[in-house]
Amino acid sequence: MSDTETTTLSDLGDAMGVTPAEAPAVVEPKIDEHGRSYATGKRKDAVARVWIKRGSGVVTVNGKEMNAYFARPALQMILRQPLEAADRATQFDVVCTVTGGGLSGQAGAVRHGISRALTFFEPELRSVLKKGGFLTRDSRVVERKKYGRRKARRSFQFSKR
C-alpha cells in the first residue's frame, strides 16, 4: 500500500486535481421554444416519436385520442404507467407518432418515449422512472426463422416409418 490513501470522494477529487467547481452540475431540462420535450421510444419493431408539454393530460397517438387508437384497456394502462409513477397524470399533454410493429409493441414504444421525454422535461424524475424500469428499452425481439425448420423453433413432424 502507498503512504497516502484516499478515503472519501472529495479526497479522490483532490488527488485527481478536480475541484468541486469543475464537478458536473445539475442536469438541465431539455425544452424547445414551444415548451415541449422530445424523445424516441422503441419496442420490438415499433418506433415512437413523443413530444410532451404542460397541459391537462390529453394523450394523442397518430392524430387520434389514446382510447381510440389503443382500444384495449391493458394497452391504455401501459401508456399511463410512467405518468402515474411520476404523479404527473394530469399535468402533461402527450403527442406521439408511432410506426412499425403491432399494437402491443407500439404501446411499449410510446411508454418508453413518454418516460424518456419526462426525464428530459424534469430531470429529477429520472430516479423514480428508473426504479420502475420505464427507461430501459425492452430488448426482446422476434427470434429469426432457421433454415430447415418451419418457424424459429418448430421442427417438422418426426416420422419413424
N, C-alpha and C. Protein backbone atom coordinates (compact mmCIF):
# COMPACT_ATOMS: atom_id res chain seq x y z
N MET A 1 0.83 -1.19 0.00
CA MET A 1 0.00 0.00 0.00
C MET A 1 0.88 1.25 0.00
N SER A 2 0.29 2.32 -0.50
CA SER A 2 1.04 3.57 -0.54
C SER A 2 0.89 4.31 0.77
N ASP A 3 1.72 5.35 0.94
CA ASP A 3 1.67 6.12 2.17
C ASP A 3 0.41 6.96 2.25
N THR A 4 -0.08 7.44 1.10
CA THR A 4 -1.27 8.29 1.12
C THR A 4 -2.45 7.50 0.56
N GLU A 5 -3.47 7.34 1.37
CA GLU A 5 -4.67 6.63 0.94
C GLU A 5 -5.83 7.62 0.87
N THR A 6 -6.63 7.49 -0.17
CA THR A 6 -7.80 8.34 -0.29
C THR A 6 -8.98 7.61 0.33
N THR A 7 -9.69 8.30 1.22
CA THR A 7 -10.78 7.65 1.94
C THR A 7 -12.15 8.18 1.54
N THR A 8 -12.23 9.38 0.98
CA THR A 8 -13.52 9.93 0.58
C THR A 8 -13.46 10.35 -0.88
N LEU A 9 -14.64 10.64 -1.43
CA LEU A 9 -14.70 11.09 -2.82
C LEU A 9 -14.04 12.44 -3.01
N SER A 10 -14.15 13.32 -2.02
CA SER A 10 -13.50 14.63 -2.15
C SER A 10 -11.98 14.48 -2.13
N ASP A 11 -11.47 13.51 -1.31
CA ASP A 11 -10.03 13.24 -1.32
C ASP A 11 -9.60 12.73 -2.67
N LEU A 12 -10.42 11.86 -3.26
CA LEU A 12 -10.11 11.33 -4.58
C LEU A 12 -10.11 12.44 -5.62
N GLY A 13 -11.08 13.36 -5.51
CA GLY A 13 -11.12 14.50 -6.43
C GLY A 13 -9.90 15.38 -6.28
N ASP A 14 -9.46 15.58 -5.03
CA ASP A 14 -8.26 16.37 -4.79
C ASP A 14 -7.03 15.68 -5.38
N ALA A 15 -6.98 14.37 -5.25
CA ALA A 15 -5.84 13.62 -5.78
C ALA A 15 -5.80 13.68 -7.31
N MET A 16 -6.98 13.72 -7.93
CA MET A 16 -7.05 13.79 -9.38
C MET A 16 -6.92 15.22 -9.89
N GLY A 17 -7.00 16.18 -9.01
CA GLY A 17 -6.87 17.58 -9.41
C GLY A 17 -8.19 18.20 -9.86
N VAL A 18 -9.30 17.63 -9.44
CA VAL A 18 -10.60 18.16 -9.81
C VAL A 18 -11.15 18.95 -8.63
N THR A 19 -11.55 20.17 -8.88
CA THR A 19 -12.13 20.99 -7.82
C THR A 19 -13.64 20.83 -7.85
N PRO A 20 -14.32 21.11 -6.74
CA PRO A 20 -15.78 20.99 -6.72
C PRO A 20 -16.47 21.87 -7.75
N ALA A 21 -15.86 22.97 -8.14
CA ALA A 21 -16.46 23.85 -9.14
C ALA A 21 -16.50 23.18 -10.51
N GLU A 22 -15.53 22.28 -10.78
CA GLU A 22 -15.49 21.59 -12.06
C GLU A 22 -16.37 20.35 -12.09
N ALA A 23 -16.91 19.95 -10.94
CA ALA A 23 -17.75 18.76 -10.86
C ALA A 23 -19.01 18.98 -11.71
N PRO A 24 -19.60 17.91 -12.22
CA PRO A 24 -20.80 18.07 -13.06
C PRO A 24 -21.93 18.75 -12.30
N ALA A 25 -22.57 19.68 -12.98
CA ALA A 25 -23.65 20.44 -12.36
C ALA A 25 -24.95 19.65 -12.46
N VAL A 26 -26.01 20.24 -11.94
CA VAL A 26 -27.33 19.64 -12.03
C VAL A 26 -27.74 19.58 -13.49
N VAL A 27 -28.38 18.48 -13.88
CA VAL A 27 -28.78 18.29 -15.27
C VAL A 27 -29.88 19.29 -15.62
N GLU A 28 -29.70 19.99 -16.72
CA GLU A 28 -30.66 20.99 -17.16
C GLU A 28 -31.77 20.33 -17.98
N PRO A 29 -33.01 20.82 -17.87
CA PRO A 29 -34.09 20.29 -18.70
C PRO A 29 -33.86 20.61 -20.18
N LYS A 30 -34.31 19.72 -21.06
CA LYS A 30 -34.19 19.93 -22.49
C LYS A 30 -35.58 20.25 -23.03
N ILE A 31 -35.88 21.54 -23.12
CA ILE A 31 -37.20 22.02 -23.56
C ILE A 31 -37.00 22.95 -24.74
N ASP A 32 -37.78 22.74 -25.82
CA ASP A 32 -37.63 23.58 -27.02
C ASP A 32 -38.40 24.89 -26.86
N GLU A 33 -38.40 25.71 -27.92
CA GLU A 33 -39.01 27.04 -27.85
C GLU A 33 -40.54 26.98 -27.72
N HIS A 34 -41.14 25.83 -28.00
CA HIS A 34 -42.60 25.67 -27.85
C HIS A 34 -42.97 25.10 -26.48
N GLY A 35 -42.00 24.91 -25.61
CA GLY A 35 -42.26 24.37 -24.28
C GLY A 35 -42.44 22.87 -24.27
N ARG A 36 -41.86 22.17 -25.25
CA ARG A 36 -42.01 20.72 -25.36
C ARG A 36 -40.67 20.03 -25.16
N SER A 37 -40.75 18.78 -24.73
CA SER A 37 -39.58 17.90 -24.70
C SER A 37 -39.85 16.76 -25.65
N TYR A 38 -38.80 16.33 -26.36
CA TYR A 38 -38.94 15.28 -27.37
C TYR A 38 -38.09 14.07 -26.98
N ALA A 39 -38.62 12.89 -27.25
CA ALA A 39 -37.85 11.66 -27.03
C ALA A 39 -38.35 10.59 -27.99
N THR A 40 -37.49 9.61 -28.22
CA THR A 40 -37.83 8.48 -29.07
C THR A 40 -37.90 7.23 -28.20
N GLY A 41 -38.96 6.45 -28.38
CA GLY A 41 -39.11 5.20 -27.66
C GLY A 41 -39.15 4.04 -28.63
N LYS A 42 -38.63 2.89 -28.22
CA LYS A 42 -38.59 1.72 -29.09
C LYS A 42 -39.01 0.48 -28.34
N ARG A 43 -39.66 -0.44 -29.07
CA ARG A 43 -40.05 -1.74 -28.52
C ARG A 43 -40.35 -2.65 -29.69
N LYS A 44 -39.73 -3.84 -29.71
CA LYS A 44 -39.85 -4.77 -30.83
C LYS A 44 -39.51 -4.04 -32.13
N ASP A 45 -40.44 -4.00 -33.10
CA ASP A 45 -40.18 -3.29 -34.35
C ASP A 45 -40.81 -1.90 -34.37
N ALA A 46 -41.42 -1.48 -33.28
CA ALA A 46 -42.13 -0.21 -33.23
C ALA A 46 -41.20 0.92 -32.77
N VAL A 47 -41.38 2.09 -33.38
CA VAL A 47 -40.61 3.28 -33.01
C VAL A 47 -41.62 4.41 -32.78
N ALA A 48 -41.53 5.06 -31.63
CA ALA A 48 -42.45 6.14 -31.29
C ALA A 48 -41.67 7.43 -31.10
N ARG A 49 -42.17 8.50 -31.73
CA ARG A 49 -41.62 9.84 -31.51
C ARG A 49 -42.61 10.56 -30.61
N VAL A 50 -42.14 11.04 -29.45
CA VAL A 50 -43.03 11.55 -28.40
C VAL A 50 -42.64 12.98 -28.03
N TRP A 51 -43.64 13.87 -27.99
CA TRP A 51 -43.48 15.23 -27.50
C TRP A 51 -44.39 15.40 -26.31
N ILE A 52 -43.87 15.97 -25.21
CA ILE A 52 -44.72 16.28 -24.06
C ILE A 52 -44.59 17.76 -23.74
N LYS A 53 -45.69 18.32 -23.24
CA LYS A 53 -45.70 19.71 -22.78
C LYS A 53 -46.71 19.84 -21.67
N ARG A 54 -46.63 20.91 -20.93
CA ARG A 54 -47.58 21.15 -19.85
C ARG A 54 -48.99 21.22 -20.42
N GLY A 55 -49.94 20.60 -19.73
CA GLY A 55 -51.31 20.61 -20.22
C GLY A 55 -52.25 19.92 -19.25
N SER A 56 -53.30 19.33 -19.82
CA SER A 56 -54.37 18.77 -18.99
C SER A 56 -54.38 17.25 -18.96
N GLY A 57 -53.42 16.59 -19.59
CA GLY A 57 -53.36 15.14 -19.55
C GLY A 57 -53.90 14.44 -20.78
N VAL A 58 -54.02 15.14 -21.90
CA VAL A 58 -54.53 14.56 -23.14
C VAL A 58 -53.39 13.81 -23.84
N VAL A 59 -53.67 12.56 -24.23
CA VAL A 59 -52.68 11.75 -24.94
C VAL A 59 -53.19 11.52 -26.36
N THR A 60 -52.43 11.97 -27.36
CA THR A 60 -52.80 11.82 -28.76
C THR A 60 -51.77 10.93 -29.45
N VAL A 61 -52.26 9.87 -30.11
CA VAL A 61 -51.39 8.93 -30.81
C VAL A 61 -51.77 8.93 -32.29
N ASN A 62 -50.84 9.31 -33.15
CA ASN A 62 -51.07 9.36 -34.60
C ASN A 62 -52.34 10.16 -34.95
N GLY A 63 -52.56 11.27 -34.28
CA GLY A 63 -53.70 12.14 -34.56
C GLY A 63 -55.01 11.69 -33.94
N LYS A 64 -55.02 10.56 -33.24
CA LYS A 64 -56.24 10.07 -32.60
C LYS A 64 -56.10 10.12 -31.09
N GLU A 65 -57.23 10.15 -30.41
CA GLU A 65 -57.24 10.05 -28.95
C GLU A 65 -56.68 8.68 -28.55
N MET A 66 -56.03 8.62 -27.39
CA MET A 66 -55.42 7.37 -26.94
C MET A 66 -56.44 6.24 -26.89
N ASN A 67 -57.66 6.51 -26.41
CA ASN A 67 -58.68 5.47 -26.27
C ASN A 67 -59.15 4.96 -27.63
N ALA A 68 -59.07 5.79 -28.66
CA ALA A 68 -59.49 5.37 -29.99
C ALA A 68 -58.40 4.55 -30.67
N TYR A 69 -57.13 4.90 -30.46
CA TYR A 69 -56.04 4.20 -31.12
C TYR A 69 -55.74 2.88 -30.42
N PHE A 70 -55.61 2.92 -29.10
CA PHE A 70 -55.39 1.71 -28.31
C PHE A 70 -56.69 1.38 -27.61
N ALA A 71 -57.50 0.49 -28.21
CA ALA A 71 -58.83 0.20 -27.68
C ALA A 71 -58.78 -0.69 -26.45
N ARG A 72 -57.77 -1.55 -26.35
CA ARG A 72 -57.70 -2.47 -25.21
C ARG A 72 -57.28 -1.72 -23.94
N PRO A 73 -57.96 -1.96 -22.83
CA PRO A 73 -57.59 -1.29 -21.57
C PRO A 73 -56.17 -1.59 -21.11
N ALA A 74 -55.68 -2.79 -21.41
CA ALA A 74 -54.31 -3.14 -20.99
C ALA A 74 -53.29 -2.25 -21.69
N LEU A 75 -53.51 -1.94 -22.96
CA LEU A 75 -52.58 -1.07 -23.70
C LEU A 75 -52.66 0.36 -23.19
N GLN A 76 -53.88 0.81 -22.83
CA GLN A 76 -54.04 2.16 -22.28
C GLN A 76 -53.33 2.27 -20.94
N MET A 77 -53.39 1.20 -20.14
CA MET A 77 -52.71 1.19 -18.85
C MET A 77 -51.19 1.28 -19.03
N ILE A 78 -50.67 0.58 -20.07
CA ILE A 78 -49.23 0.62 -20.34
C ILE A 78 -48.80 2.05 -20.63
N LEU A 79 -49.60 2.80 -21.40
CA LEU A 79 -49.26 4.18 -21.73
C LEU A 79 -49.27 5.09 -20.51
N ARG A 80 -50.19 4.84 -19.59
CA ARG A 80 -50.33 5.72 -18.42
C ARG A 80 -49.31 5.42 -17.32
N GLN A 81 -48.65 4.25 -17.35
CA GLN A 81 -47.76 3.85 -16.26
C GLN A 81 -46.69 4.87 -15.90
N PRO A 82 -45.89 5.39 -16.83
CA PRO A 82 -44.84 6.33 -16.41
C PRO A 82 -45.39 7.63 -15.84
N LEU A 83 -46.52 8.11 -16.38
CA LEU A 83 -47.11 9.35 -15.87
C LEU A 83 -47.65 9.15 -14.46
N GLU A 84 -48.25 7.99 -14.20
CA GLU A 84 -48.78 7.73 -12.87
C GLU A 84 -47.66 7.46 -11.87
N ALA A 85 -46.60 6.82 -12.30
CA ALA A 85 -45.47 6.57 -11.39
C ALA A 85 -44.83 7.88 -10.95
N ALA A 86 -44.84 8.87 -11.84
CA ALA A 86 -44.24 10.17 -11.52
C ALA A 86 -45.27 11.15 -10.95
N ASP A 87 -46.52 10.72 -10.74
CA ASP A 87 -47.61 11.58 -10.26
C ASP A 87 -47.80 12.80 -11.15
N ARG A 88 -47.78 12.60 -12.45
CA ARG A 88 -47.95 13.69 -13.41
C ARG A 88 -49.05 13.35 -14.43
N ALA A 89 -50.02 12.53 -14.05
CA ALA A 89 -51.01 12.01 -14.99
C ALA A 89 -51.84 13.11 -15.63
N THR A 90 -52.13 14.18 -14.91
CA THR A 90 -52.98 15.24 -15.46
C THR A 90 -52.21 16.54 -15.69
N GLN A 91 -50.89 16.47 -15.71
CA GLN A 91 -50.11 17.70 -15.86
C GLN A 91 -49.47 17.86 -17.23
N PHE A 92 -49.44 16.80 -18.03
CA PHE A 92 -48.76 16.85 -19.32
C PHE A 92 -49.67 16.40 -20.45
N ASP A 93 -49.58 17.10 -21.58
CA ASP A 93 -50.19 16.64 -22.82
C ASP A 93 -49.13 15.89 -23.59
N VAL A 94 -49.52 14.76 -24.18
CA VAL A 94 -48.59 13.91 -24.92
C VAL A 94 -49.07 13.82 -26.36
N VAL A 95 -48.18 14.11 -27.29
CA VAL A 95 -48.45 13.94 -28.72
C VAL A 95 -47.38 13.02 -29.26
N CYS A 96 -47.80 11.92 -29.91
CA CYS A 96 -46.80 11.00 -30.42
C CYS A 96 -47.23 10.42 -31.76
N THR A 97 -46.21 10.08 -32.54
CA THR A 97 -46.42 9.34 -33.78
C THR A 97 -45.65 8.04 -33.64
N VAL A 98 -46.31 6.94 -33.99
CA VAL A 98 -45.70 5.63 -33.80
C VAL A 98 -45.87 4.83 -35.09
N THR A 99 -44.79 4.14 -35.48
CA THR A 99 -44.82 3.34 -36.70
C THR A 99 -44.20 1.98 -36.41
N GLY A 100 -44.55 1.00 -37.24
CA GLY A 100 -43.95 -0.32 -37.17
C GLY A 100 -44.54 -1.19 -36.09
N GLY A 101 -44.40 -2.50 -36.29
CA GLY A 101 -44.83 -3.45 -35.27
C GLY A 101 -46.34 -3.53 -35.13
N GLY A 102 -46.78 -4.18 -34.08
CA GLY A 102 -48.19 -4.32 -33.77
C GLY A 102 -48.58 -3.39 -32.64
N LEU A 103 -49.82 -3.52 -32.21
CA LEU A 103 -50.32 -2.61 -31.17
C LEU A 103 -49.57 -2.76 -29.86
N SER A 104 -49.25 -3.98 -29.46
CA SER A 104 -48.54 -4.19 -28.20
C SER A 104 -47.14 -3.57 -28.24
N GLY A 105 -46.43 -3.77 -29.33
CA GLY A 105 -45.11 -3.16 -29.47
C GLY A 105 -45.19 -1.65 -29.53
N GLN A 106 -46.22 -1.13 -30.20
CA GLN A 106 -46.38 0.31 -30.29
C GLN A 106 -46.68 0.91 -28.93
N ALA A 107 -47.50 0.23 -28.13
CA ALA A 107 -47.80 0.74 -26.78
C ALA A 107 -46.53 0.76 -25.94
N GLY A 108 -45.72 -0.26 -26.03
CA GLY A 108 -44.46 -0.28 -25.29
C GLY A 108 -43.50 0.80 -25.76
N ALA A 109 -43.49 1.07 -27.07
CA ALA A 109 -42.62 2.12 -27.60
C ALA A 109 -43.07 3.49 -27.12
N VAL A 110 -44.38 3.73 -27.09
CA VAL A 110 -44.89 5.02 -26.61
C VAL A 110 -44.58 5.19 -25.13
N ARG A 111 -44.72 4.11 -24.35
CA ARG A 111 -44.40 4.18 -22.91
C ARG A 111 -42.93 4.53 -22.71
N HIS A 112 -42.04 3.90 -23.49
CA HIS A 112 -40.62 4.19 -23.39
C HIS A 112 -40.33 5.64 -23.77
N GLY A 113 -41.00 6.12 -24.82
CA GLY A 113 -40.81 7.51 -25.25
C GLY A 113 -41.31 8.52 -24.24
N ILE A 114 -42.48 8.23 -23.65
CA ILE A 114 -43.02 9.13 -22.61
C ILE A 114 -42.06 9.21 -21.43
N SER A 115 -41.54 8.07 -21.03
CA SER A 115 -40.61 8.04 -19.89
C SER A 115 -39.37 8.87 -20.16
N ARG A 116 -38.80 8.69 -21.35
CA ARG A 116 -37.59 9.45 -21.69
C ARG A 116 -37.89 10.94 -21.80
N ALA A 117 -39.03 11.29 -22.40
CA ALA A 117 -39.39 12.71 -22.53
C ALA A 117 -39.63 13.35 -21.16
N LEU A 118 -40.20 12.60 -20.23
CA LEU A 118 -40.39 13.13 -18.86
C LEU A 118 -39.05 13.43 -18.20
N THR A 119 -38.05 12.57 -18.42
CA THR A 119 -36.74 12.84 -17.81
C THR A 119 -36.07 14.04 -18.46
N PHE A 120 -36.35 14.28 -19.75
CA PHE A 120 -35.80 15.47 -20.38
C PHE A 120 -36.51 16.73 -19.88
N PHE A 121 -37.81 16.64 -19.62
CA PHE A 121 -38.58 17.79 -19.15
C PHE A 121 -38.27 18.10 -17.68
N GLU A 122 -38.26 17.03 -16.84
CA GLU A 122 -37.96 17.17 -15.41
C GLU A 122 -36.90 16.15 -15.03
N PRO A 123 -35.62 16.50 -15.07
CA PRO A 123 -34.55 15.53 -14.79
C PRO A 123 -34.62 14.89 -13.41
N GLU A 124 -35.28 15.52 -12.45
CA GLU A 124 -35.36 14.93 -11.11
C GLU A 124 -36.29 13.72 -11.06
N LEU A 125 -37.08 13.49 -12.11
CA LEU A 125 -37.95 12.31 -12.17
C LEU A 125 -37.19 11.05 -12.60
N ARG A 126 -35.95 11.19 -12.98
CA ARG A 126 -35.20 10.05 -13.52
C ARG A 126 -35.12 8.88 -12.55
N SER A 127 -34.87 9.15 -11.27
CA SER A 127 -34.72 8.06 -10.30
C SER A 127 -36.03 7.30 -10.12
N VAL A 128 -37.16 8.02 -10.12
CA VAL A 128 -38.47 7.36 -9.97
C VAL A 128 -38.75 6.47 -11.17
N LEU A 129 -38.51 6.98 -12.37
CA LEU A 129 -38.79 6.21 -13.58
C LEU A 129 -37.79 5.07 -13.76
N LYS A 130 -36.56 5.27 -13.33
CA LYS A 130 -35.55 4.21 -13.44
C LYS A 130 -35.91 3.04 -12.53
N LYS A 131 -36.40 3.34 -11.30
CA LYS A 131 -36.79 2.29 -10.37
C LYS A 131 -37.95 1.48 -10.93
N GLY A 132 -38.86 2.14 -11.63
CA GLY A 132 -39.99 1.44 -12.22
C GLY A 132 -39.63 0.66 -13.47
N GLY A 133 -38.42 0.84 -13.99
CA GLY A 133 -37.98 0.12 -15.17
C GLY A 133 -38.51 0.70 -16.47
N PHE A 134 -38.95 1.95 -16.46
CA PHE A 134 -39.54 2.56 -17.65
C PHE A 134 -38.50 3.12 -18.62
N LEU A 135 -37.28 3.35 -18.15
CA LEU A 135 -36.26 3.93 -19.02
C LEU A 135 -35.44 2.88 -19.77
N THR A 136 -35.59 1.63 -19.40
CA THR A 136 -34.85 0.56 -20.05
C THR A 136 -35.59 0.10 -21.29
N ARG A 137 -34.90 0.07 -22.41
CA ARG A 137 -35.51 -0.40 -23.65
C ARG A 137 -35.63 -1.91 -23.58
N ASP A 138 -36.83 -2.43 -23.77
CA ASP A 138 -37.06 -3.87 -23.72
C ASP A 138 -36.44 -4.48 -24.97
N SER A 139 -35.37 -5.23 -24.81
CA SER A 139 -34.58 -5.69 -25.95
C SER A 139 -35.11 -6.98 -26.56
N ARG A 140 -36.21 -7.52 -26.04
CA ARG A 140 -36.74 -8.77 -26.60
C ARG A 140 -37.35 -8.52 -27.97
N VAL A 141 -36.90 -9.28 -28.95
CA VAL A 141 -37.43 -9.16 -30.30
C VAL A 141 -37.75 -10.57 -30.80
N VAL A 142 -38.43 -10.64 -31.94
CA VAL A 142 -38.83 -11.93 -32.50
C VAL A 142 -37.59 -12.70 -32.94
N GLU A 143 -37.56 -13.97 -32.57
CA GLU A 143 -36.44 -14.81 -32.96
C GLU A 143 -36.53 -15.14 -34.44
N ARG A 144 -35.41 -15.16 -35.11
CA ARG A 144 -35.42 -15.36 -36.55
C ARG A 144 -35.72 -16.81 -36.90
N LYS A 145 -36.26 -17.01 -38.10
CA LYS A 145 -36.54 -18.35 -38.61
C LYS A 145 -35.22 -19.00 -39.04
N LYS A 146 -35.06 -20.28 -38.68
CA LYS A 146 -33.86 -21.00 -39.06
C LYS A 146 -34.14 -21.87 -40.29
N TYR A 147 -33.11 -22.09 -41.10
CA TYR A 147 -33.29 -22.93 -42.28
C TYR A 147 -33.51 -24.37 -41.84
N GLY A 148 -34.25 -25.11 -42.63
CA GLY A 148 -34.53 -26.50 -42.30
C GLY A 148 -35.62 -26.68 -41.27
N ARG A 149 -36.22 -25.59 -40.85
CA ARG A 149 -37.31 -25.65 -39.86
C ARG A 149 -38.50 -24.87 -40.39
N ARG A 150 -39.65 -25.13 -39.78
CA ARG A 150 -40.86 -24.45 -40.23
C ARG A 150 -40.91 -23.01 -39.74
N LYS A 151 -40.54 -22.81 -38.45
CA LYS A 151 -40.53 -21.46 -37.86
C LYS A 151 -39.20 -21.31 -37.13
N ALA A 152 -39.17 -20.45 -36.12
CA ALA A 152 -37.92 -20.23 -35.40
C ALA A 152 -37.48 -21.50 -34.68
N ARG A 153 -38.41 -22.20 -34.05
CA ARG A 153 -38.08 -23.41 -33.30
C ARG A 153 -38.86 -24.63 -33.74
N ARG A 154 -39.97 -24.42 -34.42
CA ARG A 154 -40.82 -25.53 -34.84
C ARG A 154 -40.12 -26.37 -35.88
N SER A 155 -40.03 -27.65 -35.59
CA SER A 155 -39.38 -28.57 -36.50
C SER A 155 -40.45 -29.37 -37.24
N PHE A 156 -40.06 -30.05 -38.28
CA PHE A 156 -41.02 -30.89 -39.00
C PHE A 156 -41.37 -32.09 -38.11
N GLN A 157 -42.57 -32.63 -38.33
CA GLN A 157 -43.02 -33.75 -37.52
C GLN A 157 -42.16 -34.98 -37.81
N PHE A 158 -41.70 -35.63 -36.76
CA PHE A 158 -40.84 -36.80 -36.93
C PHE A 158 -41.67 -38.00 -37.35
N SER A 159 -41.20 -38.72 -38.34
CA SER A 159 -41.87 -39.93 -38.81
C SER A 159 -40.91 -41.10 -38.70
N LYS A 160 -41.30 -42.10 -37.92
CA LYS A 160 -40.42 -43.24 -37.75
C LYS A 160 -40.41 -44.13 -38.98
N ARG A 161 -41.53 -44.24 -39.67
CA ARG A 161 -41.63 -45.11 -40.87
C ARG A 161 -42.06 -44.32 -42.06
